[in-house]
Amino acid sequence: MALLVKNKLRFIDETCLRRSYRGELGNQWELCNVVMLSLIGLTIFTELQPSIIYASDARNVWNEFKERFNKLNLTRFYHFWTTIGTLRQGTDFIISYYTKIKDLWDEMDLMVPGARCDCEETRPFLDQFKNLRLLQFFVGLNESYSHVRSEILLKYLC
């Protein structure tokens, strides 16, 4: 997000390459590249900083980190599934319970992003996905909400 806000995302998605710029624009590219390296260095764990101290290209650093860390961690994914599966409203207000489960969903979505387009082919999948999340939410609701839960489920049947 920080890179997008600073209009520097193009430096890591390979649309802004050094060889495309000459002269003064080349110098500007170098300056932006150094800014990018600095931003990356400031946002990574201290233990990783020595691995980029002599780097000359932000795109290469980004790609190296992407290769190293952008992997599905099945153990972490299992943790999310079990946490969501055992999450209950309990004494929480409904908004607190929803916030907890939504935070877990959001973090899972970062690990395994779903379909990004809103095209006709993906709509049934997205609808089914939303229904599954609604059911996950319902499973953890207190029994005092059973009437509301039943009403909502009846609406989906009709």
C-alpha atoms as a PDB file:
ATOM      1  CA  MET A   1       0.000   0.000   0.000  1.00  0.00           C
ATOM      2  CA  ALA A   2       2.841   2.372   0.833  1.00  0.00           C
ATOM      3  CA  LEU A   3       4.315   1.831  -2.617  1.00  0.00           C
ATOM      4  CA  LEU A   4       0.983   2.487  -4.307  1.00  0.00           C
ATOM      5  CA  VAL A   5       0.452   5.694  -2.326  1.00  0.00           C
ATOM      6  CA  LYS A   6       3.922   6.931  -3.251  1.00  0.00           C
ATOM      7  CA  ASN A   7       3.300   6.005  -6.894  1.00  0.00           C
ATOM      8  CA  LYS A   8       6.249   3.600  -6.836  1.00  0.00           C
ATOM      9  CA  LEU A   9       4.513   0.282  -7.438  1.00  0.00           C
ATOM     10  CA  ARG A  10       5.721   0.325 -11.050  1.00  0.00           C
ATOM     11  CA  PHE A  11       9.285  -0.148  -9.809  1.00  0.00           C
ATOM     12  CA  ILE A  12       8.513  -3.637  -8.550  1.00  0.00           C
ATOM     13  CA  ASP A  13       5.885  -4.830 -11.023  1.00  0.00           C
ATOM     14  CA  GLU A  14       8.397  -4.499 -13.874  1.00  0.00           C
ATOM     15  CA  THR A  15       6.610  -1.715 -15.770  1.00  0.00           C
ATOM     16  CA  CYS A  16       9.220   0.899 -14.896  1.00  0.00           C
ATOM     17  CA  LEU A  17      12.582  -0.490 -16.002  1.00  0.00           C
ATOM     18  CA  ARG A  18      15.933   1.353 -15.901  1.00  0.00           C
ATOM     19  CA  ARG A  19      16.705   0.648 -19.556  1.00  0.00           C
ATOM     20  CA  SER A  20      13.613   2.645 -20.574  1.00  0.00           C
ATOM     21  CA  TYR A  21      15.097   5.925 -19.300  1.00  0.00           C
ATOM     22  CA  ARG A  22      18.089   7.929 -20.568  1.00  0.00           C
ATOM     23  CA  GLY A  23      19.847  11.077 -19.442  1.00  0.00           C
ATOM     24  CA  GLU A  24      18.106  13.140 -16.771  1.00  0.00           C
ATOM     25  CA  LEU A  25      15.216  10.677 -16.632  1.00  0.00           C
ATOM     26  CA  GLY A  26      17.742   7.919 -15.950  1.00  0.00           C
ATOM     27  CA  ASN A  27      19.065   9.928 -13.011  1.00  0.00           C
ATOM     28  CA  GLN A  28      15.500  10.388 -11.747  1.00  0.00           C
ATOM     29  CA  TRP A  29      14.938   6.632 -12.088  1.00  0.00           C
ATOM     30  CA  GLU A  30      18.079   5.964 -10.001  1.00  0.00           C
ATOM     31  CA  LEU A  31      16.836   8.355  -7.319  1.00  0.00           C
ATOM     32  CA  CYS A  32      13.429   6.657  -7.203  1.00  0.00           C
ATOM     33  CA  ASN A  33      15.076   3.234  -7.108  1.00  0.00           C
ATOM     34  CA  VAL A  34      17.128   4.283  -4.058  1.00  0.00           C
ATOM     35  CA  VAL A  35      13.954   5.594  -2.403  1.00  0.00           C
ATOM     36  CA  MET A  36      12.321   2.230  -3.104  1.00  0.00           C
ATOM     37  CA  LEU A  37      15.254   0.326  -1.597  1.00  0.00           C
ATOM     38  CA  SER A  38      15.030   2.566   1.444  1.00  0.00           C
ATOM     39  CA  LEU A  39      11.282   2.000   1.813  1.00  0.00           C
ATOM     40  CA  ILE A  40      11.722  -1.745   1.535  1.00  0.00           C
ATOM     41  CA  GLY A  41      14.571  -1.632   4.058  1.00  0.00           C
ATOM     42  CA  LEU A  42      12.473   0.327   6.540  1.00  0.00           C
ATOM     43  CA  THR A  43       9.537  -2.060   6.358  1.00  0.00           C
ATOM     44  CA  ILE A  44      11.279  -5.423   6.705  1.00  0.00           C
ATOM     45  CA  PHE A  45      12.442  -7.183   9.842  1.00  0.00           C
ATOM     46  CA  THR A  46      15.798  -5.992  11.142  1.00  0.00           C
ATOM     47  CA  GLU A  47      17.206  -9.480  10.631  1.00  0.00           C
ATOM     48  CA  LEU A  48      16.554  -9.211   6.865  1.00  0.00           C
ATOM     49  CA  GLN A  49      18.087  -5.771   6.368  1.00  0.00           C
ATOM     50  CA  PRO A  50      21.699  -6.982   5.917  1.00  0.00           C
ATOM     51  CA  SER A  51      20.574  -9.085   2.940  1.00  0.00           C
ATOM     52  CA  ILE A  52      19.637  -5.948   0.974  1.00  0.00           C
ATOM     53  CA  ILE A  53      22.252  -3.446   2.148  1.00  0.00           C
ATOM     54  CA  TYR A  54      24.275  -3.774  -1.071  1.00  0.00           C
ATOM     55  CA  ALA A  55      21.352  -4.252  -3.433  1.00  0.00           C
ATOM     56  CA  SER A  56      21.222  -1.997  -6.477  1.00  0.00           C
ATOM     57  CA  ASP A  57      17.760  -2.745  -7.856  1.00  0.00           C
ATOM     58  CA  ALA A  58      14.533  -2.547  -5.837  1.00  0.00           C
ATOM     59  CA  ARG A  59      12.758  -4.867  -8.269  1.00  0.00           C
ATOM     60  CA  ASN A  60      15.320  -7.620  -7.695  1.00  0.00           C
ATOM     61  CA  VAL A  61      15.034  -7.264  -3.919  1.00  0.00           C
ATOM     62  CA  TRP A  62      11.259  -7.354  -4.145  1.00  0.00           C
ATOM     63  CA  ASN A  63      11.307 -10.442  -6.370  1.00  0.00           C
ATOM     64  CA  GLU A  64      13.756 -12.196  -4.051  1.00  0.00           C
ATOM     65  CA  PHE A  65      11.533 -11.547  -1.020  1.00  0.00           C
ATOM     66  CA  LYS A  66       8.469 -12.547  -2.990  1.00  0.00           C
ATOM     67  CA  GLU A  67      10.105 -15.844  -3.941  1.00  0.00           C
ATOM     68  CA  ARG A  68      11.221 -16.452  -0.373  1.00  0.00           C
ATOM     69  CA  PHE A  69       8.069 -15.483   1.531  1.00  0.00           C
ATOM     70  CA  ASN A  70       5.100 -15.547  -0.823  1.00  0.00           C
ATOM     71  CA  LYS A  71       4.326 -19.189  -0.219  1.00  0.00           C
ATOM     72  CA  LEU A  72       1.213 -20.774   1.171  1.00  0.00           C
ATOM     73  CA  ASN A  73       1.995 -21.785   4.706  1.00  0.00           C
ATOM     74  CA  LEU A  74      -0.227 -24.826   5.168  1.00  0.00           C
ATOM     75  CA  THR A  75       0.338 -24.834   8.926  1.00  0.00           C
ATOM     76  CA  ARG A  76      -0.835 -21.229   9.214  1.00  0.00           C
ATOM     77  CA  PHE A  77      -3.787 -21.942   6.944  1.00  0.00           C
ATOM     78  CA  TYR A  78      -4.734 -24.925   9.145  1.00  0.00           C
ATOM     79  CA  HIS A  79      -4.552 -22.640  12.179  1.00  0.00           C
ATOM     80  CA  PHE A  80      -7.013 -20.213  10.570  1.00  0.00           C
ATOM     81  CA  TRP A  81      -9.444 -23.005   9.706  1.00  0.00           C
ATOM     82  CA  THR A  82      -9.369 -24.482  13.206  1.00  0.00           C
ATOM     83  CA  THR A  83      -9.629 -21.066  14.851  1.00  0.00           C
ATOM     84  CA  ILE A  84     -12.620 -20.115  12.713  1.00  0.00           C
ATOM     85  CA  GLY A  85     -14.173 -23.547  13.237  1.00  0.00           C
ATOM     86  CA  THR A  86     -13.964 -23.262  17.007  1.00  0.00           C
ATOM     87  CA  LEU A  87     -14.702 -19.536  17.314  1.00  0.00           C
ATOM     88  CA  ARG A  88     -17.854 -18.848  19.325  1.00  0.00           C
ATOM     89  CA  GLN A  89     -19.619 -15.651  20.278  1.00  0.00           C
ATOM     90  CA  GLY A  90     -19.719 -16.593  23.958  1.00  0.00           C
ATOM     91  CA  THR A  91     -19.948 -13.462  26.095  1.00  0.00           C
ATOM     92  CA  ASP A  92     -18.854 -11.159  23.259  1.00  0.00           C
ATOM     93  CA  PHE A  93     -21.200  -8.663  21.707  1.00  0.00           C
ATOM     94  CA  ILE A  94     -22.185  -9.737  18.214  1.00  0.00           C
ATOM     95  CA  ILE A  95     -20.080  -6.959  16.664  1.00  0.00           C
ATOM     96  CA  SER A  96     -16.985  -8.166  18.578  1.00  0.00           C
ATOM     97  CA  TYR A  97     -17.582 -11.742  17.439  1.00  0.00           C
ATOM     98  CA  TYR A  98     -18.044 -10.592  13.835  1.00  0.00           C
ATOM     99  CA  THR A  99     -14.868  -8.482  13.994  1.00  0.00           C
ATOM    100  CA  LYS A 100     -12.843 -11.480  15.213  1.00  0.00           C
ATOM    101  CA  ILE A 101     -14.074 -13.784  12.452  1.00  0.00           C
ATOM    102  CA  LYS A 102     -13.765 -11.052   9.799  1.00  0.00           C
ATOM    103  CA  ASP A 103     -10.151 -10.405  10.799  1.00  0.00           C
ATOM    104  CA  LEU A 104      -9.395 -14.115  10.373  1.00  0.00           C
ATOM    105  CA  TRP A 105     -11.113 -14.161   6.966  1.00  0.00           C
ATOM    106  CA  ASP A 106      -9.165 -11.095   5.848  1.00  0.00           C
ATOM    107  CA  GLU A 107      -5.851 -12.606   6.866  1.00  0.00           C
ATOM    108  CA  MET A 108      -6.729 -15.863   5.100  1.00  0.00           C
ATOM    109  CA  ASP A 109      -7.633 -13.885   1.984  1.00  0.00           C
ATOM    110  CA  LEU A 110      -4.163 -12.340   2.006  1.00  0.00           C
ATOM    111  CA  MET A 111      -2.618 -15.806   2.065  1.00  0.00           C
ATOM    112  CA  VAL A 112      -4.853 -17.295  -0.626  1.00  0.00           C
ATOM    113  CA  PRO A 113      -6.552 -14.556  -2.629  1.00  0.00           C
ATOM    114  CA  GLY A 114      -9.729 -15.518  -4.431  1.00  0.00           C
ATOM    115  CA  ALA A 115     -11.083 -14.429  -7.786  1.00  0.00           C
ATOM    116  CA  ARG A 116     -10.378 -10.743  -8.423  1.00  0.00           C
ATOM    117  CA  CYS A 117     -12.826 -10.139 -11.236  1.00  0.00           C
ATOM    118  CA  ASP A 118     -16.555  -9.633 -11.014  1.00  0.00           C
ATOM    119  CA  CYS A 119     -17.259 -11.438 -14.258  1.00  0.00           C
ATOM    120  CA  GLU A 120     -20.157 -13.734 -15.047  1.00  0.00           C
ATOM    121  CA  GLU A 121     -18.040 -16.897 -14.780  1.00  0.00           C
ATOM    122  CA  THR A 122     -16.885 -16.210 -11.210  1.00  0.00           C
ATOM    123  CA  ARG A 123     -20.196 -14.962  -9.813  1.00  0.00           C
ATOM    124  CA  PRO A 124     -21.508 -18.425  -8.758  1.00  0.00           C
ATOM    125  CA  PHE A 125     -18.217 -19.155  -7.010  1.00  0.00           C
ATOM    126  CA  LEU A 126     -18.261 -15.802  -5.198  1.00  0.00           C
ATOM    127  CA  ASP A 127     -21.901 -16.299  -4.162  1.00  0.00           C
ATOM    128  CA  GLN A 128     -21.106 -19.751  -2.798  1.00  0.00           C
ATOM    129  CA  PHE A 129     -18.056 -18.376  -1.010  1.00  0.00           C
ATOM    130  CA  LYS A 130     -20.150 -15.660   0.668  1.00  0.00           C
ATOM    131  CA  ASN A 131     -22.722 -18.266   1.702  1.00  0.00           C
ATOM    132  CA  LEU A 132     -20.021 -20.432   3.272  1.00  0.00           C
ATOM    133  CA  ARG A 133     -18.745 -17.484   5.267  1.00  0.00           C
ATOM    134  CA  LEU A 134     -22.282 -16.664   6.384  1.00  0.00           C
ATOM    135  CA  LEU A 135     -22.653 -20.257   7.590  1.00  0.00           C
ATOM    136  CA  GLN A 136     -19.310 -20.065   9.407  1.00  0.00           C
ATOM    137  CA  PHE A 137     -20.561 -16.954  11.164  1.00  0.00           C
ATOM    138  CA  PHE A 138     -23.862 -18.613  12.077  1.00  0.00           C
ATOM    139  CA  VAL A 139     -22.144 -21.678  13.544  1.00  0.00           C
ATOM    140  CA  GLY A 140     -20.494 -19.567  16.253  1.00  0.00           C
ATOM    141  CA  LEU A 141     -23.523 -17.452  17.146  1.00  0.00           C
ATOM    142  CA  ASN A 142     -25.138 -17.972  20.522  1.00  0.00           C
ATOM    143  CA  GLU A 143     -28.393 -19.905  20.636  1.00  0.00           C
ATOM    144  CA  SER A 144     -30.213 -16.697  21.589  1.00  0.00           C
ATOM    145  CA  TYR A 145     -29.895 -15.780  17.892  1.00  0.00           C
ATOM    146  CA  SER A 146     -31.369 -19.069  16.632  1.00  0.00           C
ATOM    147  CA  HIS A 147     -34.641 -17.385  15.593  1.00  0.00           C
ATOM    148  CA  VAL A 148     -32.818 -14.718  13.549  1.00  0.00           C
ATOM    149  CA  ARG A 149     -30.508 -17.345  12.058  1.00  0.00           C
ATOM    150  CA  SER A 150     -33.511 -19.472  11.029  1.00  0.00           C
ATOM    151  CA  GLU A 151     -35.242 -16.495   9.426  1.00  0.00           C
ATOM    152  CA  ILE A 152     -32.186 -15.653   7.366  1.00  0.00           C
ATOM    153  CA  LEU A 153     -31.670 -19.243   6.274  1.00  0.00           C
ATOM    154  CA  LEU A 154     -35.337 -19.478   5.236  1.00  0.00           C
ATOM    155  CA  LYS A 155     -34.880 -16.383   3.063  1.00  0.00           C
ATOM    156  CA  TYR A 156     -32.019 -18.124   1.240  1.00  0.00           C
ATOM    157  CA  LEU A 157     -34.159 -21.203   0.580  1.00  0.00           C
ATOM    158  CA  CYS A 158     -36.919 -19.200  -1.073  1.00  0.00           C
END
